[in-house]
Amino acid sequence: MELWELEAREAIRTLISRYAHCADTGRFDALVELFAEDGTLEIEGREPLRGRDLIRQFLGATKKARAASTARPLIRHHVTSVDVDVRSREEATASSYFFVITERGPDHWGRYRDQLVHVGGQWRFRQRKVRLDGRRPRDE
């Protein structure tokens, strides 16, 4: 393995981690910047969100709904088993699992499947697919 590939792998792991930290702290403008300009966020069961503007709108609405549903909003995304495949100096893929905890305890869990692109000296999400494997019953 060459040094540039090791650097790419570490930068991609940082990108994936930064996504979780931005989501947990409500820094959605910073989160949106982790996507390529024409990047796509695909959440299973919803229409794909193409481009930073649509992703930002969705996250803003999600933040408002979350704040309205609890007096003490707390959310933590735990991301594990990150598997990165660097295909070239400009393209890579990654897969990982996530587990989300809120003030009510375990909330939802699933997997991310990412297509990544190296643009402007930074790795960005070209496409992030989010698939839920399970969730806490909503009546709890």
Foldseek 3Di string as FASTA:
>chain_A
DDPLVVVVVVQVVVLVVVLQVCLQVVVLVVNLVLADQQAWEAEPPDDIQTGSVSSSVVSVVVVVVQVVVDVDWGKGKDKDDWDKADPDSFKIKIKIKIWMAIPVGTFWIFMWIFIWGQPPNHIHTNYIYTYTPDGDPPVD
